[in-house]
Amino acid sequence: MDDHVYKLVELVGTSEESVADAIDTAIKRASATVRNIRWFEVVQVRGEVVNGEVGRYQVTLKVGFTLDEPSLRTE
């Protein structure tokens, strides 16, 4: 198995439906511009309360992705 080097970014996903949906929203959106996402870690879960009920879930994630292998140059 190859050794990998990972880069971390922090994302915040939101959803009116659930914590899981907030995570999915963040990962799907990041996947549109970040290649090689491999894992995530939930760092914080928060929410907005509206009229005594949960109005929106907010989840902060650390997301790890592998860096592209450097290309070998010949000069």
PDB file of N, CA and C in Angstrom:
ATOM      1  N   MET A   1       0.841  -1.184   0.000  1.00  0.00           N
ATOM      2  CA  MET A   1       0.000   0.000   0.000  1.00  0.00           C
ATOM      3  C   MET A   1       0.882   1.243   0.000  1.00  0.00           C
ATOM      4  N   ASP A   2       0.521   2.214  -0.796  1.00  0.00           N
ATOM      5  CA  ASP A   2       1.291   3.455  -0.878  1.00  0.00           C
ATOM      6  C   ASP A   2       1.067   4.300   0.371  1.00  0.00           C
ATOM      7  N   ASP A   3       2.131   5.025   0.746  1.00  0.00           N
ATOM      8  CA  ASP A   3       1.980   6.003   1.815  1.00  0.00           C
ATOM      9  C   ASP A   3       1.323   7.242   1.222  1.00  0.00           C
ATOM     10  N   HIS A   4       0.468   7.875   1.991  1.00  0.00           N
ATOM     11  CA  HIS A   4      -0.239   9.060   1.509  1.00  0.00           C
ATOM     12  C   HIS A   4       0.102  10.259   2.370  1.00  0.00           C
ATOM     13  N   VAL A   5       0.019  11.408   1.772  1.00  0.00           N
ATOM     14  CA  VAL A   5       0.076  12.677   2.489  1.00  0.00           C
ATOM     15  C   VAL A   5      -1.302  13.298   2.327  1.00  0.00           C
ATOM     16  N   TYR A   6      -1.879  13.737   3.436  1.00  0.00           N
ATOM     17  CA  TYR A   6      -3.215  14.310   3.424  1.00  0.00           C
ATOM     18  C   TYR A   6      -3.172  15.801   3.712  1.00  0.00           C
ATOM     19  N   LYS A   7      -4.072  16.519   3.111  1.00  0.00           N
ATOM     20  CA  LYS A   7      -4.303  17.927   3.425  1.00  0.00           C
ATOM     21  C   LYS A   7      -5.647  17.992   4.118  1.00  0.00           C
ATOM     22  N   LEU A   8      -5.782  18.862   5.107  1.00  0.00           N
ATOM     23  CA  LEU A   8      -7.041  19.037   5.828  1.00  0.00           C
ATOM     24  C   LEU A   8      -7.662  20.379   5.486  1.00  0.00           C
ATOM     25  N   VAL A   9      -8.963  20.374   5.314  1.00  0.00           N
ATOM     26  CA  VAL A   9      -9.726  21.611   5.210  1.00  0.00           C
ATOM     27  C   VAL A   9     -10.889  21.508   6.179  1.00  0.00           C
ATOM     28  N   GLU A  10     -11.379  22.647   6.608  1.00  0.00           N
ATOM     29  CA  GLU A  10     -12.529  22.668   7.500  1.00  0.00           C
ATOM     30  C   GLU A  10     -13.733  23.173   6.726  1.00  0.00           C
ATOM     31  N   LEU A  11     -14.848  22.477   6.871  1.00  0.00           N
ATOM     32  CA  LEU A  11     -16.089  22.820   6.182  1.00  0.00           C
ATOM     33  C   LEU A  11     -17.204  22.950   7.200  1.00  0.00           C
ATOM     34  N   VAL A  12     -18.213  23.715   6.849  1.00  0.00           N
ATOM     35  CA  VAL A  12     -19.434  23.785   7.656  1.00  0.00           C
ATOM     36  C   VAL A  12     -20.608  23.530   6.730  1.00  0.00           C
ATOM     37  N   GLY A  13     -21.348  22.458   7.008  1.00  0.00           N
ATOM     38  CA  GLY A  13     -22.540  22.129   6.232  1.00  0.00           C
ATOM     39  C   GLY A  13     -23.779  22.441   7.039  1.00  0.00           C
ATOM     40  N   THR A  14     -24.845  22.831   6.355  1.00  0.00           N
ATOM     41  CA  THR A  14     -26.095  23.115   7.050  1.00  0.00           C
ATOM     42  C   THR A  14     -27.248  22.371   6.386  1.00  0.00           C
ATOM     43  N   SER A  15     -28.296  22.155   7.175  1.00  0.00           N
ATOM     44  CA  SER A  15     -29.484  21.486   6.666  1.00  0.00           C
ATOM     45  C   SER A  15     -30.661  21.775   7.589  1.00  0.00           C
ATOM     46  N   GLU A  16     -31.820  21.855   7.001  1.00  0.00           N
ATOM     47  CA  GLU A  16     -33.050  21.965   7.793  1.00  0.00           C
ATOM     48  C   GLU A  16     -33.559  20.584   8.193  1.00  0.00           C
ATOM     49  N   GLU A  17     -32.976  19.515   7.598  1.00  0.00           N
ATOM     50  CA  GLU A  17     -33.483  18.152   7.800  1.00  0.00           C
ATOM     51  C   GLU A  17     -32.807  17.399   8.941  1.00  0.00           C
ATOM     52  N   SER A  18     -31.452  17.318   8.920  1.00  0.00           N
ATOM     53  CA  SER A  18     -30.756  16.492   9.909  1.00  0.00           C
ATOM     54  C   SER A  18     -29.259  16.783   9.910  1.00  0.00           C
ATOM     55  N   VAL A  19     -28.587  16.256  10.937  1.00  0.00           N
ATOM     56  CA  VAL A  19     -27.132  16.342  11.008  1.00  0.00           C
ATOM     57  C   VAL A  19     -26.519  15.587   9.827  1.00  0.00           C
ATOM     58  N   ALA A  20     -27.034  14.388   9.547  1.00  0.00           N
ATOM     59  CA  ALA A  20     -26.509  13.592   8.431  1.00  0.00           C
ATOM     60  C   ALA A  20     -26.639  14.340   7.108  1.00  0.00           C
ATOM     61  N   ASP A  21     -27.744  15.015   6.910  1.00  0.00           N
ATOM     62  CA  ASP A  21     -27.944  15.775   5.673  1.00  0.00           C
ATOM     63  C   ASP A  21     -26.973  16.954   5.602  1.00  0.00           C
ATOM     64  N   ALA A  22     -26.681  17.581   6.735  1.00  0.00           N
ATOM     65  CA  ALA A  22     -25.707  18.680   6.762  1.00  0.00           C
ATOM     66  C   ALA A  22     -24.319  18.178   6.374  1.00  0.00           C
ATOM     67  N   ILE A  23     -23.951  16.980   6.850  1.00  0.00           N
ATOM     68  CA  ILE A  23     -22.671  16.374   6.474  1.00  0.00           C
ATOM     69  C   ILE A  23     -22.651  16.086   4.984  1.00  0.00           C
ATOM     70  N   ASP A  24     -23.706  15.449   4.479  1.00  0.00           N
ATOM     71  CA  ASP A  24     -23.785  15.135   3.047  1.00  0.00           C
ATOM     72  C   ASP A  24     -23.683  16.392   2.189  1.00  0.00           C
ATOM     73  N   THR A  25     -24.351  17.459   2.610  1.00  0.00           N
ATOM     74  CA  THR A  25     -24.319  18.723   1.872  1.00  0.00           C
ATOM     75  C   THR A  25     -22.889  19.250   1.767  1.00  0.00           C
ATOM     76  N   ALA A  26     -22.164  19.234   2.876  1.00  0.00           N
ATOM     77  CA  ALA A  26     -20.790  19.744   2.883  1.00  0.00           C
ATOM     78  C   ALA A  26     -19.879  18.898   2.001  1.00  0.00           C
ATOM     79  N   ILE A  27     -19.979  17.578   2.118  1.00  0.00           N
ATOM     80  CA  ILE A  27     -19.110  16.683   1.347  1.00  0.00           C
ATOM     81  C   ILE A  27     -19.419  16.774  -0.147  1.00  0.00           C
ATOM     82  N   LYS A  28     -20.687  16.795  -0.509  1.00  0.00           N
ATOM     83  CA  LYS A  28     -21.056  16.875  -1.933  1.00  0.00           C
ATOM     84  C   LYS A  28     -20.582  18.182  -2.545  1.00  0.00           C
ATOM     85  N   ARG A  29     -20.745  19.275  -1.826  1.00  0.00           N
ATOM     86  CA  ARG A  29     -20.327  20.580  -2.358  1.00  0.00           C
ATOM     87  C   ARG A  29     -18.815  20.643  -2.501  1.00  0.00           C
ATOM     88  N   ALA A  30     -18.077  20.154  -1.491  1.00  0.00           N
ATOM     89  CA  ALA A  30     -16.616  20.169  -1.556  1.00  0.00           C
ATOM     90  C   ALA A  30     -16.108  19.265  -2.677  1.00  0.00           C
ATOM     91  N   SER A  31     -16.777  18.146  -2.906  1.00  0.00           N
ATOM     92  CA  SER A  31     -16.355  17.204  -3.949  1.00  0.00           C
ATOM     93  C   SER A  31     -16.413  17.804  -5.344  1.00  0.00           C
ATOM     94  N   ALA A  32     -17.170  18.879  -5.504  1.00  0.00           N
ATOM     95  CA  ALA A  32     -17.256  19.536  -6.812  1.00  0.00           C
ATOM     96  C   ALA A  32     -15.958  20.259  -7.168  1.00  0.00           C
ATOM     97  N   THR A  33     -15.156  20.623  -6.154  1.00  0.00           N
ATOM     98  CA  THR A  33     -13.937  21.376  -6.435  1.00  0.00           C
ATOM     99  C   THR A  33     -12.676  20.778  -5.811  1.00  0.00           C
ATOM    100  N   VAL A  34     -12.829  19.830  -4.901  1.00  0.00           N
ATOM    101  CA  VAL A  34     -11.677  19.213  -4.244  1.00  0.00           C
ATOM    102  C   VAL A  34     -11.603  17.745  -4.655  1.00  0.00           C
ATOM    103  N   ARG A  35     -10.450  17.337  -5.193  1.00  0.00           N
ATOM    104  CA  ARG A  35     -10.264  15.943  -5.603  1.00  0.00           C
ATOM    105  C   ARG A  35      -9.762  15.094  -4.436  1.00  0.00           C
ATOM    106  N   ASN A  36      -9.981  13.818  -4.537  1.00  0.00           N
ATOM    107  CA  ASN A  36      -9.381  12.823  -3.648  1.00  0.00           C
ATOM    108  C   ASN A  36      -9.799  12.930  -2.183  1.00  0.00           C
ATOM    109  N   ILE A  37     -11.039  13.351  -1.908  1.00  0.00           N
ATOM    110  CA  ILE A  37     -11.508  13.368  -0.520  1.00  0.00           C
ATOM    111  C   ILE A  37     -11.582  11.932  -0.030  1.00  0.00           C
ATOM    112  N   ARG A  38     -10.985  11.670   1.125  1.00  0.00           N
ATOM    113  CA  ARG A  38     -10.901  10.300   1.650  1.00  0.00           C
ATOM    114  C   ARG A  38     -11.658  10.091   2.956  1.00  0.00           C
ATOM    115  N   TRP A  39     -11.743  11.108   3.797  1.00  0.00           N
ATOM    116  CA  TRP A  39     -12.386  10.919   5.098  1.00  0.00           C
ATOM    117  C   TRP A  39     -12.853  12.256   5.665  1.00  0.00           C
ATOM    118  N   PHE A  40     -13.677  12.173   6.694  1.00  0.00           N
ATOM    119  CA  PHE A  40     -14.095  13.375   7.415  1.00  0.00           C
ATOM    120  C   PHE A  40     -14.200  13.063   8.898  1.00  0.00           C
ATOM    121  N   GLU A  41     -14.134  14.121   9.697  1.00  0.00           N
ATOM    122  CA  GLU A  41     -14.295  14.032  11.141  1.00  0.00           C
ATOM    123  C   GLU A  41     -15.265  15.137  11.555  1.00  0.00           C
ATOM    124  N   VAL A  42     -16.291  14.788  12.301  1.00  0.00           N
ATOM    125  CA  VAL A  42     -17.214  15.793  12.812  1.00  0.00           C
ATOM    126  C   VAL A  42     -16.550  16.460  14.013  1.00  0.00           C
ATOM    127  N   VAL A  43     -16.388  17.774  13.928  1.00  0.00           N
ATOM    128  CA  VAL A  43     -15.725  18.534  14.975  1.00  0.00           C
ATOM    129  C   VAL A  43     -16.740  19.178  15.915  1.00  0.00           C
ATOM    130  N   GLN A  44     -17.849  19.621  15.340  1.00  0.00           N
ATOM    131  CA  GLN A  44     -18.843  20.333  16.151  1.00  0.00           C
ATOM    132  C   GLN A  44     -20.216  20.219  15.504  1.00  0.00           C
ATOM    133  N   VAL A  45     -21.224  20.097  16.342  1.00  0.00           N
ATOM    134  CA  VAL A  45     -22.607  20.120  15.877  1.00  0.00           C
ATOM    135  C   VAL A  45     -23.311  21.261  16.604  1.00  0.00           C
ATOM    136  N   ARG A  46     -23.936  22.128  15.821  1.00  0.00           N
ATOM    137  CA  ARG A  46     -24.702  23.248  16.372  1.00  0.00           C
ATOM    138  C   ARG A  46     -26.025  23.311  15.650  1.00  0.00           C
ATOM    139  N   GLY A  47     -26.882  24.171  16.131  1.00  0.00           N
ATOM    140  CA  GLY A  47     -28.145  24.344  15.446  1.00  0.00           C
ATOM    141  C   GLY A  47     -28.802  25.657  15.793  1.00  0.00           C
ATOM    142  N   GLU A  48     -29.784  25.981  14.991  1.00  0.00           N
ATOM    143  CA  GLU A  48     -30.577  27.187  15.198  1.00  0.00           C
ATOM    144  C   GLU A  48     -31.948  26.764  15.718  1.00  0.00           C
ATOM    145  N   VAL A  49     -32.422  27.459  16.731  1.00  0.00           N
ATOM    146  CA  VAL A  49     -33.739  27.184  17.287  1.00  0.00           C
ATOM    147  C   VAL A  49     -34.689  28.283  16.827  1.00  0.00           C
ATOM    148  N   VAL A  50     -35.814  27.862  16.252  1.00  0.00           N
ATOM    149  CA  VAL A  50     -36.824  28.793  15.761  1.00  0.00           C
ATOM    150  C   VAL A  50     -38.163  28.411  16.381  1.00  0.00           C
ATOM    151  N   ASN A  51     -38.732  29.331  17.123  1.00  0.00           N
ATOM    152  CA  ASN A  51     -40.028  29.091  17.776  1.00  0.00           C
ATOM    153  C   ASN A  51     -40.039  27.804  18.597  1.00  0.00           C
ATOM    154  N   GLY A  52     -38.962  27.560  19.341  1.00  0.00           N
ATOM    155  CA  GLY A  52     -38.895  26.402  20.217  1.00  0.00           C
ATOM    156  C   GLY A  52     -38.614  25.078  19.534  1.00  0.00           C
ATOM    157  N   GLU A  53     -38.286  25.102  18.233  1.00  0.00           N
ATOM    158  CA  GLU A  53     -37.973  23.877  17.497  1.00  0.00           C
ATOM    159  C   GLU A  53     -36.670  24.050  16.724  1.00  0.00           C
ATOM    160  N   VAL A  54     -36.078  22.915  16.376  1.00  0.00           N
ATOM    161  CA  VAL A  54     -34.849  22.975  15.576  1.00  0.00           C
ATOM    162  C   VAL A  54     -35.192  23.526  14.200  1.00  0.00           C
ATOM    163  N   GLY A  55     -34.543  24.621  13.844  1.00  0.00           N
ATOM    164  CA  GLY A  55     -34.779  25.233  12.543  1.00  0.00           C
ATOM    165  C   GLY A  55     -33.742  24.826  11.505  1.00  0.00           C
ATOM    166  N   ARG A  56     -32.499  24.633  11.963  1.00  0.00           N
ATOM    167  CA  ARG A  56     -31.418  24.292  11.034  1.00  0.00           C
ATOM    168  C   ARG A  56     -30.289  23.657  11.835  1.00  0.00           C
ATOM    169  N   TYR A  57     -29.718  22.605  11.257  1.00  0.00           N
ATOM    170  CA  TYR A  57     -28.543  21.950  11.820  1.00  0.00           C
ATOM    171  C   TYR A  57     -27.307  22.518  11.142  1.00  0.00           C
ATOM    172  N   GLN A  58     -26.231  22.660  11.920  1.00  0.00           N
ATOM    173  CA  GLN A  58     -24.963  23.150  11.389  1.00  0.00           C
ATOM    174  C   GLN A  58     -23.853  22.240  11.905  1.00  0.00           C
ATOM    175  N   VAL A  59     -23.086  21.650  10.986  1.00  0.00           N
ATOM    176  CA  VAL A  59     -22.045  20.690  11.356  1.00  0.00           C
ATOM    177  C   VAL A  59     -20.698  21.162  10.808  1.00  0.00           C
ATOM    178  N   THR A  60     -19.717  21.261  11.693  1.00  0.00           N
ATOM    179  CA  THR A  60     -18.360  21.607  11.285  1.00  0.00           C
ATOM    180  C   THR A  60     -17.574  20.303  11.119  1.00  0.00           C
ATOM    181  N   LEU A  61     -16.912  20.174   9.972  1.00  0.00           N
ATOM    182  CA  LEU A  61     -16.161  18.965   9.630  1.00  0.00           C
ATOM    183  C   LEU A  61     -14.715  19.289   9.320  1.00  0.00           C
ATOM    184  N   LYS A  62     -13.814  18.391   9.669  1.00  0.00           N
ATOM    185  CA  LYS A  62     -12.473  18.383   9.103  1.00  0.00           C
ATOM    186  C   LYS A  62     -12.516  17.333   8.008  1.00  0.00           C
ATOM    187  N   VAL A  63     -12.056  17.700   6.835  1.00  0.00           N
ATOM    188  CA  VAL A  63     -12.087  16.799   5.689  1.00  0.00           C
ATOM    189  C   VAL A  63     -10.646  16.577   5.220  1.00  0.00           C
ATOM    190  N   GLY A  64     -10.283  15.322   5.032  1.00  0.00           N
ATOM    191  CA  GLY A  64      -8.940  14.981   4.570  1.00  0.00           C
ATOM    192  C   GLY A  64      -8.965  14.497   3.134  1.00  0.00           C
ATOM    193  N   PHE A  65      -8.024  14.979   2.355  1.00  0.00           N
ATOM    194  CA  PHE A  65      -7.906  14.501   0.983  1.00  0.00           C
ATOM    195  C   PHE A  65      -6.435  14.274   0.672  1.00  0.00           C
ATOM    196  N   THR A  66      -6.179  13.310  -0.220  1.00  0.00           N
ATOM    197  CA  THR A  66      -4.799  13.012  -0.581  1.00  0.00           C
ATOM    198  C   THR A  66      -4.312  14.005  -1.624  1.00  0.00           C
ATOM    199  N   LEU A  67      -3.044  14.326  -1.497  1.00  0.00           N
ATOM    200  CA  LEU A  67      -2.417  15.214  -2.469  1.00  0.00           C
ATOM    201  C   LEU A  67      -2.059  14.413  -3.715  1.00  0.00           C
ATOM    202  N   ASP A  68      -2.127  15.051  -4.865  1.00  0.00           N
ATOM    203  CA  ASP A  68      -1.722  14.400  -6.108  1.00  0.00           C
ATOM    204  C   ASP A  68      -0.236  14.071  -6.032  1.00  0.00           C
ATOM    205  N   GLU A  69       0.132  12.982  -6.657  1.00  0.00           N
ATOM    206  CA  GLU A  69       1.547  12.622  -6.735  1.00  0.00           C
ATOM    207  C   GLU A  69       2.260  13.631  -7.625  1.00  0.00           C
ATOM    208  N   PRO A  70       3.475  14.048  -7.230  1.00  0.00           N
ATOM    209  CA  PRO A  70       4.211  14.993  -8.082  1.00  0.00           C
ATOM    210  C   PRO A  70       4.594  14.321  -9.395  1.00  0.00           C
ATOM    211  N   SER A  71       4.534  15.083 -10.453  1.00  0.00           N
ATOM    212  CA  SER A  71       4.945  14.532 -11.745  1.00  0.00           C
ATOM    213  C   SER A  71       6.466  14.556 -11.821  1.00  0.00           C
ATOM    214  N   LEU A  72       7.016  13.577 -12.457  1.00  0.00           N
ATOM    215  CA  LEU A  72       8.468  13.507 -12.623  1.00  0.00           C
ATOM    216  C   LEU A  72       8.863  14.289 -13.863  1.00  0.00           C
ATOM    217  N   ARG A  73       9.726  15.249 -13.686  1.00  0.00           N
ATOM    218  CA  ARG A  73      10.199  16.061 -14.815  1.00  0.00           C
ATOM    219  C   ARG A  73      11.524  15.547 -15.318  1.00  0.00           C
ATOM    220  N   THR A  74      11.686  15.603 -16.606  1.00  0.00           N
ATOM    221  CA  THR A  74      12.995  15.334 -17.188  1.00  0.00           C
ATOM    222  C   THR A  74      13.399  16.575 -17.961  1.00  0.00           C
ATOM    223  N   GLU A  75      14.571  17.073 -17.666  1.00  0.00           N
ATOM    224  CA  GLU A  75      15.019  18.293 -18.334  1.00  0.00           C
ATOM    225  C   GLU A  75      16.201  18.033 -19.202  1.00  0.00           C
TER     226      GLU A  75
END
